[in-house]
Amino acid sequence: MFQDFTGAFGSSSLLPEVELAIARSYVEEKAWDSAERAYNSWLERFGTNDQRPVVEFNRAWINY
């Protein structure tokens, strides 16, 4: 569902939150490599977003 959103509404102001939800879904599935790739991609695309500290923390947590 989130992937569909990103394809249909690629310029939405909600895109950073949706992509963060995608990364968290990988964490829930314990797909650590996919989660790390998703967090890294998020940081590259939305590095100035207010959610950056959350993403940095979550990325550090999955690597712990």
N, C-alpha and C. Protein backbone atom coordinates (compact mmCIF):
# COMPACT_ATOMS: atom_id res chain seq x y z
N MET A 1 0.83 -1.18 0.00
CA MET A 1 0.00 0.00 0.00
C MET A 1 0.88 1.26 0.00
N PHE A 2 1.92 1.26 0.84
CA PHE A 2 2.81 2.42 0.88
C PHE A 2 3.57 2.59 -0.44
N GLN A 3 4.00 1.47 -1.02
CA GLN A 3 4.70 1.53 -2.30
C GLN A 3 3.78 2.11 -3.37
N ASP A 4 2.51 1.74 -3.34
CA ASP A 4 1.55 2.28 -4.30
C ASP A 4 1.41 3.79 -4.13
N PHE A 5 1.41 4.24 -2.88
CA PHE A 5 1.31 5.67 -2.61
C PHE A 5 2.49 6.43 -3.20
N THR A 6 3.69 5.89 -2.99
CA THR A 6 4.87 6.59 -3.48
C THR A 6 4.86 6.67 -5.00
N GLY A 7 4.32 5.64 -5.66
CA GLY A 7 4.25 5.67 -7.12
C GLY A 7 3.19 6.63 -7.63
N ALA A 8 2.06 6.70 -6.93
CA ALA A 8 0.95 7.53 -7.39
C ALA A 8 1.11 9.00 -7.00
N PHE A 9 1.74 9.25 -5.86
CA PHE A 9 1.84 10.61 -5.33
C PHE A 9 3.28 10.98 -5.01
N GLY A 10 4.15 10.83 -5.99
CA GLY A 10 5.58 11.03 -5.80
C GLY A 10 5.99 12.43 -5.38
N SER A 11 5.11 13.41 -5.54
CA SER A 11 5.46 14.77 -5.14
C SER A 11 4.65 15.24 -3.93
N SER A 12 4.03 14.32 -3.23
CA SER A 12 3.23 14.66 -2.06
C SER A 12 4.10 15.14 -0.91
N SER A 13 3.56 16.05 -0.12
CA SER A 13 4.28 16.52 1.07
C SER A 13 4.34 15.42 2.14
N LEU A 14 3.54 14.39 1.99
CA LEU A 14 3.54 13.27 2.94
C LEU A 14 4.55 12.18 2.57
N LEU A 15 5.22 12.34 1.45
CA LEU A 15 6.15 11.31 0.98
C LEU A 15 7.23 10.95 2.01
N PRO A 16 7.85 11.91 2.69
CA PRO A 16 8.85 11.52 3.70
C PRO A 16 8.27 10.61 4.79
N GLU A 17 7.06 10.91 5.24
CA GLU A 17 6.44 10.07 6.28
C GLU A 17 6.10 8.69 5.76
N VAL A 18 5.64 8.62 4.53
CA VAL A 18 5.30 7.32 3.94
C VAL A 18 6.55 6.47 3.76
N GLU A 19 7.62 7.08 3.27
CA GLU A 19 8.86 6.33 3.10
C GLU A 19 9.46 5.91 4.44
N LEU A 20 9.26 6.70 5.46
CA LEU A 20 9.69 6.31 6.80
C LEU A 20 8.87 5.11 7.29
N ALA A 21 7.59 5.10 6.98
CA ALA A 21 6.74 3.96 7.35
C ALA A 21 7.19 2.70 6.62
N ILE A 22 7.62 2.84 5.38
CA ILE A 22 8.14 1.69 4.64
C ILE A 22 9.38 1.13 5.34
N ALA A 23 10.28 2.00 5.74
CA ALA A 23 11.48 1.55 6.44
C ALA A 23 11.12 0.85 7.75
N ARG A 24 10.16 1.42 8.48
CA ARG A 24 9.74 0.78 9.75
C ARG A 24 9.10 -0.58 9.50
N SER A 25 8.42 -0.73 8.37
CA SER A 25 7.82 -2.04 8.07
C SER A 25 8.90 -3.10 7.88
N TYR A 26 10.03 -2.71 7.29
CA TYR A 26 11.15 -3.65 7.16
C TYR A 26 11.70 -4.03 8.54
N VAL A 27 11.73 -3.07 9.45
CA VAL A 27 12.20 -3.36 10.81
C VAL A 27 11.26 -4.36 11.47
N GLU A 28 9.97 -4.15 11.32
CA GLU A 28 8.99 -5.08 11.91
C GLU A 28 9.16 -6.50 11.35
N GLU A 29 9.55 -6.59 10.08
CA GLU A 29 9.76 -7.88 9.45
C GLU A 29 11.14 -8.47 9.76
N LYS A 30 11.95 -7.69 10.48
CA LYS A 30 13.34 -8.07 10.78
C LYS A 30 14.16 -8.24 9.51
N ALA A 31 13.84 -7.45 8.49
CA ALA A 31 14.59 -7.42 7.24
C ALA A 31 15.60 -6.28 7.36
N TRP A 32 16.66 -6.54 8.11
CA TRP A 32 17.60 -5.50 8.51
C TRP A 32 18.28 -4.83 7.33
N ASP A 33 18.70 -5.61 6.34
CA ASP A 33 19.38 -5.01 5.18
C ASP A 33 18.44 -4.08 4.42
N SER A 34 17.21 -4.51 4.23
CA SER A 34 16.22 -3.67 3.54
C SER A 34 15.92 -2.41 4.34
N ALA A 35 15.84 -2.56 5.65
CA ALA A 35 15.58 -1.40 6.51
C ALA A 35 16.73 -0.41 6.42
N GLU A 36 17.95 -0.90 6.45
CA GLU A 36 19.09 0.01 6.37
C GLU A 36 19.12 0.73 5.02
N ARG A 37 18.86 0.00 3.95
CA ARG A 37 18.81 0.64 2.63
C ARG A 37 17.71 1.70 2.59
N ALA A 38 16.56 1.40 3.18
CA ALA A 38 15.45 2.36 3.17
C ALA A 38 15.80 3.60 3.98
N TYR A 39 16.42 3.42 5.14
CA TYR A 39 16.83 4.58 5.95
C TYR A 39 17.89 5.41 5.24
N ASN A 40 18.86 4.74 4.63
CA ASN A 40 19.91 5.47 3.90
C ASN A 40 19.31 6.24 2.73
N SER A 41 18.41 5.61 2.01
CA SER A 41 17.75 6.29 0.90
C SER A 41 16.94 7.48 1.40
N TRP A 42 16.25 7.30 2.51
CA TRP A 42 15.46 8.39 3.09
C TRP A 42 16.36 9.58 3.41
N LEU A 43 17.50 9.30 4.03
CA LEU A 43 18.42 10.39 4.40
C LEU A 43 18.96 11.12 3.17
N GLU A 44 19.20 10.39 2.10
CA GLU A 44 19.68 11.02 0.87
C GLU A 44 18.61 11.93 0.27
N ARG A 45 17.36 11.49 0.33
CA ARG A 45 16.28 12.22 -0.32
C ARG A 45 15.68 13.32 0.55
N PHE A 46 15.62 13.09 1.86
CA PHE A 46 14.92 14.01 2.75
C PHE A 46 15.79 14.44 3.93
N GLY A 47 17.07 14.61 3.71
CA GLY A 47 18.02 14.89 4.78
C GLY A 47 17.74 16.14 5.60
N THR A 48 16.97 17.08 5.07
CA THR A 48 16.67 18.30 5.82
C THR A 48 15.30 18.25 6.50
N ASN A 49 14.63 17.11 6.40
CA ASN A 49 13.31 16.95 7.01
C ASN A 49 13.42 16.91 8.53
N ASP A 50 12.35 17.35 9.21
CA ASP A 50 12.33 17.35 10.68
C ASP A 50 12.45 15.96 11.29
N GLN A 51 12.16 14.92 10.53
CA GLN A 51 12.22 13.55 11.04
C GLN A 51 13.64 12.96 10.99
N ARG A 52 14.61 13.74 10.54
CA ARG A 52 15.98 13.23 10.42
C ARG A 52 16.51 12.62 11.72
N PRO A 53 16.33 13.24 12.89
CA PRO A 53 16.85 12.61 14.11
C PRO A 53 16.23 11.23 14.38
N VAL A 54 14.96 11.08 14.05
CA VAL A 54 14.29 9.79 14.23
C VAL A 54 14.92 8.75 13.32
N VAL A 55 15.15 9.12 12.09
CA VAL A 55 15.75 8.21 11.12
C VAL A 55 17.18 7.84 11.54
N GLU A 56 17.95 8.82 11.97
CA GLU A 56 19.32 8.55 12.43
C GLU A 56 19.32 7.59 13.61
N PHE A 57 18.41 7.80 14.56
CA PHE A 57 18.32 6.91 15.71
C PHE A 57 17.93 5.50 15.28
N ASN A 58 16.90 5.39 14.44
CA ASN A 58 16.44 4.07 14.00
C ASN A 58 17.51 3.34 13.21
N ARG A 59 18.23 4.07 12.40
CA ARG A 59 19.32 3.46 11.63
C ARG A 59 20.40 2.95 12.56
N ALA A 60 20.74 3.71 13.57
CA ALA A 60 21.74 3.26 14.55
C ALA A 60 21.23 2.05 15.32
N TRP A 61 19.96 2.05 15.66
CA TRP A 61 19.38 0.95 16.43
C TRP A 61 19.44 -0.36 15.67
N ILE A 62 19.12 -0.33 14.37
CA ILE A 62 19.14 -1.59 13.62
C ILE A 62 20.56 -2.10 13.40
N ASN A 63 21.54 -1.21 13.49
CA ASN A 63 22.92 -1.64 13.35
C ASN A 63 23.55 -2.07 14.67
N TYR A 64 22.83 -1.84 15.77
CA TYR A 64 23.32 -2.22 17.08
C TYR A 64 23.21 -3.73 17.20
